[in-house]
Amino acid sequence: MNKKTYPMTADGKVKLEAELEDLKLNKRPEVINRIQIARSYGDLSENSEYESAKDEQSMLESRVKTIEHMLQYAEVIDNNKTDKDEVTVGKKVTFKELPDEEPESYTIVGAAEADPMSGKISNDSPIAKALLGHRIDEEVTIAIPAGDMKVKILDVQSA
């Protein structure tokens, strides 16, 4: 059975590794310390500090497991193996909506790295899915909730 892989840039993998290290070495001991302090207050059945710390511990451990899983099945994208003008994960693509909208630029990254507010969109997003594999000067139809959007790829650069 094939396991799901998580495409990401080398930089994205380094950031995930750093987050994992911070969670394990800094955040986990902080939460454990807060649980111990809350336990010292006595009756745990009505101890909101204890419940809050336990909830935070649960979320932290869930995030640790998620990151470990993503790193275990990470697929680091090497853009040196693709054509310079082909849209792939790890590249910045500039396109404009036809007929005459203003150009937009996004860097396509793996889901773990996505941050739309800073121009990084997930390879699983409708826009990225439609653009992947296409090249400069190609026209692409993107299916979005509001209907189809036709765009022209203006530029592709390594991010």
C-alpha atoms as a PDB file:
ATOM      1  CA  MET A   1       0.000   0.000   0.000  1.00  0.00           C
ATOM      2  CA  ASN A   2       1.373   3.406  -0.964  1.00  0.00           C
ATOM      3  CA  LYS A   3       1.834   5.948   1.796  1.00  0.00           C
ATOM      4  CA  LYS A   4       0.898   9.565   1.195  1.00  0.00           C
ATOM      5  CA  THR A   5       3.963  11.688   0.571  1.00  0.00           C
ATOM      6  CA  TYR A   6       4.307  15.313   1.556  1.00  0.00           C
ATOM      7  CA  PRO A   7       5.980  17.371  -1.150  1.00  0.00           C
ATOM      8  CA  MET A   8       7.962  20.272   0.254  1.00  0.00           C
ATOM      9  CA  THR A   9      10.894  22.494  -0.445  1.00  0.00           C
ATOM     10  CA  ALA A  10      14.209  21.906   1.304  1.00  0.00           C
ATOM     11  CA  ASP A  11      13.617  25.154   3.223  1.00  0.00           C
ATOM     12  CA  GLY A  12      10.171  23.948   4.269  1.00  0.00           C
ATOM     13  CA  LYS A  13      11.622  20.699   5.592  1.00  0.00           C
ATOM     14  CA  VAL A  14      14.230  22.595   7.615  1.00  0.00           C
ATOM     15  CA  LYS A  15      11.481  24.793   9.121  1.00  0.00           C
ATOM     16  CA  LEU A  16       9.399  21.747  10.080  1.00  0.00           C
ATOM     17  CA  GLU A  17      12.437  20.118  11.687  1.00  0.00           C
ATOM     18  CA  ALA A  18      13.096  23.313  13.657  1.00  0.00           C
ATOM     19  CA  GLU A  19       9.446  23.487  14.788  1.00  0.00           C
ATOM     20  CA  LEU A  20       9.582  19.849  15.906  1.00  0.00           C
ATOM     21  CA  GLU A  21      12.764  20.459  17.872  1.00  0.00           C
ATOM     22  CA  ASP A  22      11.224  23.526  19.544  1.00  0.00           C
ATOM     23  CA  LEU A  23       8.084  21.593  20.464  1.00  0.00           C
ATOM     24  CA  LYS A  24      10.066  18.735  21.984  1.00  0.00           C
ATOM     25  CA  LEU A  25      12.816  20.687  23.723  1.00  0.00           C
ATOM     26  CA  ASN A  26      10.991  23.843  24.814  1.00  0.00           C
ATOM     27  CA  LYS A  27       7.202  23.674  24.638  1.00  0.00           C
ATOM     28  CA  ARG A  28       6.783  20.115  25.959  1.00  0.00           C
ATOM     29  CA  PRO A  29       8.772  20.792  29.186  1.00  0.00           C
ATOM     30  CA  GLU A  30       6.850  24.068  29.703  1.00  0.00           C
ATOM     31  CA  VAL A  31       3.500  22.284  29.498  1.00  0.00           C
ATOM     32  CA  ILE A  32       4.664  19.454  31.763  1.00  0.00           C
ATOM     33  CA  ASN A  33       5.807  22.046  34.306  1.00  0.00           C
ATOM     34  CA  ARG A  34       2.411  23.797  34.170  1.00  0.00           C
ATOM     35  CA  ILE A  35       0.649  20.450  34.704  1.00  0.00           C
ATOM     36  CA  GLN A  36       2.816  19.756  37.764  1.00  0.00           C
ATOM     37  CA  ILE A  37       2.104  23.213  39.200  1.00  0.00           C
ATOM     38  CA  ALA A  38      -1.631  22.830  38.566  1.00  0.00           C
ATOM     39  CA  ARG A  39      -1.608  19.403  40.255  1.00  0.00           C
ATOM     40  CA  SER A  40      -0.154  20.989  43.354  1.00  0.00           C
ATOM     41  CA  TYR A  41      -3.329  23.089  43.717  1.00  0.00           C
ATOM     42  CA  GLY A  42      -5.219  20.027  44.916  1.00  0.00           C
ATOM     43  CA  ASP A  43      -8.573  18.697  43.706  1.00  0.00           C
ATOM     44  CA  LEU A  44      -8.157  18.009  39.973  1.00  0.00           C
ATOM     45  CA  SER A  45     -11.897  17.685  39.298  1.00  0.00           C
ATOM     46  CA  GLU A  46     -12.419  21.457  39.578  1.00  0.00           C
ATOM     47  CA  ASN A  47      -8.958  22.623  38.574  1.00  0.00           C
ATOM     48  CA  SER A  48      -9.251  24.749  35.421  1.00  0.00           C
ATOM     49  CA  GLU A  49      -5.484  25.338  35.231  1.00  0.00           C
ATOM     50  CA  TYR A  50      -4.915  21.577  35.162  1.00  0.00           C
ATOM     51  CA  GLU A  51      -7.588  21.027  32.479  1.00  0.00           C
ATOM     52  CA  SER A  52      -6.176  23.847  30.381  1.00  0.00           C
ATOM     53  CA  ALA A  53      -2.617  22.512  30.622  1.00  0.00           C
ATOM     54  CA  LYS A  54      -3.786  18.968  29.773  1.00  0.00           C
ATOM     55  CA  ASP A  55      -5.662  20.301  26.719  1.00  0.00           C
ATOM     56  CA  GLU A  56      -2.556  22.164  25.595  1.00  0.00           C
ATOM     57  CA  GLN A  57      -0.469  19.029  26.102  1.00  0.00           C
ATOM     58  CA  SER A  58      -2.894  17.069  23.937  1.00  0.00           C
ATOM     59  CA  MET A  59      -2.699  19.636  21.122  1.00  0.00           C
ATOM     60  CA  LEU A  60       1.092  19.783  21.392  1.00  0.00           C
ATOM     61  CA  GLU A  61       1.467  15.998  21.196  1.00  0.00           C
ATOM     62  CA  SER A  62      -0.892  15.898  18.226  1.00  0.00           C
ATOM     63  CA  ARG A  63       1.218  18.501  16.407  1.00  0.00           C
ATOM     64  CA  VAL A  64       4.420  16.571  17.226  1.00  0.00           C
ATOM     65  CA  LYS A  65       2.942  13.384  15.736  1.00  0.00           C
ATOM     66  CA  THR A  66       1.738  15.244  12.651  1.00  0.00           C
ATOM     67  CA  ILE A  67       5.144  16.809  12.008  1.00  0.00           C
ATOM     68  CA  GLU A  68       6.962  13.517  12.613  1.00  0.00           C
ATOM     69  CA  HIS A  69       4.647  11.802  10.119  1.00  0.00           C
ATOM     70  CA  MET A  70       5.129  14.556   7.527  1.00  0.00           C
ATOM     71  CA  LEU A  71       8.903  14.428   7.900  1.00  0.00           C
ATOM     72  CA  GLN A  72       8.920  10.626   7.675  1.00  0.00           C
ATOM     73  CA  TYR A  73       7.117  10.788   4.328  1.00  0.00           C
ATOM     74  CA  ALA A  74       8.586  14.078   3.103  1.00  0.00           C
ATOM     75  CA  GLU A  75       9.378  14.346  -0.580  1.00  0.00           C
ATOM     76  CA  VAL A  76      11.843  17.196  -1.035  1.00  0.00           C
ATOM     77  CA  ILE A  77      11.321  18.717  -4.460  1.00  0.00           C
ATOM     78  CA  ASP A  78      14.481  19.291  -6.517  1.00  0.00           C
ATOM     79  CA  ASN A  79      13.753  21.985  -9.073  1.00  0.00           C
ATOM     80  CA  ASN A  80      17.075  21.323 -10.820  1.00  0.00           C
ATOM     81  CA  LYS A  81      15.411  18.268 -12.358  1.00  0.00           C
ATOM     82  CA  THR A  82      12.598  20.250 -14.013  1.00  0.00           C
ATOM     83  CA  ASP A  83      12.484  22.688 -16.902  1.00  0.00           C
ATOM     84  CA  LYS A  84      13.021  26.289 -15.843  1.00  0.00           C
ATOM     85  CA  ASP A  85       9.718  27.414 -17.340  1.00  0.00           C
ATOM     86  CA  GLU A  86       7.580  24.562 -15.911  1.00  0.00           C
ATOM     87  CA  VAL A  87       5.325  25.216 -12.914  1.00  0.00           C
ATOM     88  CA  THR A  88       6.284  22.828 -10.095  1.00  0.00           C
ATOM     89  CA  VAL A  89       6.285  22.796  -6.304  1.00  0.00           C
ATOM     90  CA  GLY A  90       8.914  25.214  -5.033  1.00  0.00           C
ATOM     91  CA  LYS A  91       8.573  27.679  -7.908  1.00  0.00           C
ATOM     92  CA  LYS A  92       7.100  31.154  -8.006  1.00  0.00           C
ATOM     93  CA  VAL A  93       4.532  31.553 -10.776  1.00  0.00           C
ATOM     94  CA  THR A  94       3.180  34.832 -12.097  1.00  0.00           C
ATOM     95  CA  PHE A  95      -0.056  34.810 -14.072  1.00  0.00           C
ATOM     96  CA  LYS A  96      -2.866  37.115 -15.012  1.00  0.00           C
ATOM     97  CA  GLU A  97      -6.545  36.461 -15.311  1.00  0.00           C
ATOM     98  CA  LEU A  98      -7.712  36.914 -18.878  1.00  0.00           C
ATOM     99  CA  PRO A  99      -8.558  39.123 -20.587  1.00  0.00           C
ATOM    100  CA  ASP A 100      -6.777  41.958 -18.791  1.00  0.00           C
ATOM    101  CA  GLU A 101      -6.484  41.650 -15.009  1.00  0.00           C
ATOM    102  CA  GLU A 102      -3.396  42.621 -13.008  1.00  0.00           C
ATOM    103  CA  PRO A 103      -0.657  39.962 -12.670  1.00  0.00           C
ATOM    104  CA  GLU A 104      -0.578  37.861  -9.488  1.00  0.00           C
ATOM    105  CA  SER A 105       2.394  35.890  -8.144  1.00  0.00           C
ATOM    106  CA  TYR A 106       2.404  32.886  -5.832  1.00  0.00           C
ATOM    107  CA  THR A 107       4.995  30.405  -4.700  1.00  0.00           C
ATOM    108  CA  ILE A 108       3.667  26.864  -4.857  1.00  0.00           C
ATOM    109  CA  VAL A 109       4.704  24.870  -1.799  1.00  0.00           C
ATOM    110  CA  GLY A 110       3.675  21.691  -0.019  1.00  0.00           C
ATOM    111  CA  ALA A 111       0.651  21.856   2.264  1.00  0.00           C
ATOM    112  CA  ALA A 112       2.875  22.014   5.354  1.00  0.00           C
ATOM    113  CA  GLU A 113       4.451  25.264   4.143  1.00  0.00           C
ATOM    114  CA  ALA A 114       1.360  27.016   2.820  1.00  0.00           C
ATOM    115  CA  ASP A 115       0.885  30.600   3.977  1.00  0.00           C
ATOM    116  CA  PRO A 116      -1.434  32.451   1.595  1.00  0.00           C
ATOM    117  CA  MET A 117      -0.903  35.762   3.406  1.00  0.00           C
ATOM    118  CA  SER A 118       2.773  35.662   2.372  1.00  0.00           C
ATOM    119  CA  GLY A 119       2.078  34.421  -1.154  1.00  0.00           C
ATOM    120  CA  LYS A 120       2.720  30.710  -0.543  1.00  0.00           C
ATOM    121  CA  ILE A 121      -0.093  28.460  -1.726  1.00  0.00           C
ATOM    122  CA  SER A 122      -0.478  24.723  -1.208  1.00  0.00           C
ATOM    123  CA  ASN A 123       0.083  22.356  -4.091  1.00  0.00           C
ATOM    124  CA  ASP A 124      -3.349  20.964  -3.127  1.00  0.00           C
ATOM    125  CA  SER A 125      -5.130  24.296  -3.748  1.00  0.00           C
ATOM    126  CA  PRO A 126      -7.321  24.605  -6.861  1.00  0.00           C
ATOM    127  CA  ILE A 127      -5.060  27.286  -8.367  1.00  0.00           C
ATOM    128  CA  ALA A 128      -1.857  25.300  -7.849  1.00  0.00           C
ATOM    129  CA  LYS A 129      -3.403  22.023  -9.042  1.00  0.00           C
ATOM    130  CA  ALA A 130      -4.463  23.699 -12.275  1.00  0.00           C
ATOM    131  CA  LEU A 131      -1.092  25.399 -12.876  1.00  0.00           C
ATOM    132  CA  LEU A 132       1.232  22.487 -12.034  1.00  0.00           C
ATOM    133  CA  GLY A 133       2.952  21.060 -15.106  1.00  0.00           C
ATOM    134  CA  HIS A 134       2.132  24.037 -17.327  1.00  0.00           C
ATOM    135  CA  ARG A 135       4.662  26.483 -18.791  1.00  0.00           C
ATOM    136  CA  ILE A 136       5.182  30.156 -19.523  1.00  0.00           C
ATOM    137  CA  ASP A 137       2.734  31.592 -22.115  1.00  0.00           C
ATOM    138  CA  GLU A 138       0.229  28.748 -21.651  1.00  0.00           C
ATOM    139  CA  GLU A 139      -3.398  29.556 -20.932  1.00  0.00           C
ATOM    140  CA  VAL A 140      -4.945  27.502 -18.129  1.00  0.00           C
ATOM    141  CA  THR A 141      -8.515  27.182 -16.917  1.00  0.00           C
ATOM    142  CA  ILE A 142      -8.811  27.083 -13.137  1.00  0.00           C
ATOM    143  CA  ALA A 143     -11.987  25.723 -11.541  1.00  0.00           C
ATOM    144  CA  ILE A 144     -12.826  27.868  -8.525  1.00  0.00           C
ATOM    145  CA  PRO A 145     -16.018  28.023  -6.421  1.00  0.00           C
ATOM    146  CA  ALA A 146     -17.228  31.123  -8.301  1.00  0.00           C
ATOM    147  CA  GLY A 147     -16.816  29.371 -11.674  1.00  0.00           C
ATOM    148  CA  ASP A 148     -13.987  28.875 -14.141  1.00  0.00           C
ATOM    149  CA  MET A 149     -11.176  31.403 -14.343  1.00  0.00           C
ATOM    150  CA  LYS A 150      -8.917  31.536 -17.393  1.00  0.00           C
ATOM    151  CA  VAL A 151      -5.336  32.676 -16.781  1.00  0.00           C
ATOM    152  CA  LYS A 152      -2.133  33.096 -18.757  1.00  0.00           C
ATOM    153  CA  ILE A 153       1.178  32.128 -17.185  1.00  0.00           C
ATOM    154  CA  LEU A 154       3.581  35.063 -17.507  1.00  0.00           C
ATOM    155  CA  ASP A 155       6.653  33.908 -15.585  1.00  0.00           C
ATOM    156  CA  VAL A 156       8.037  30.969 -13.625  1.00  0.00           C
ATOM    157  CA  GLN A 157      11.049  31.311 -11.303  1.00  0.00           C
ATOM    158  CA  SER A 158      12.787  29.169  -8.737  1.00  0.00           C
ATOM    159  CA  ALA A 159      11.670  30.383  -5.345  1.00  0.00           C
END
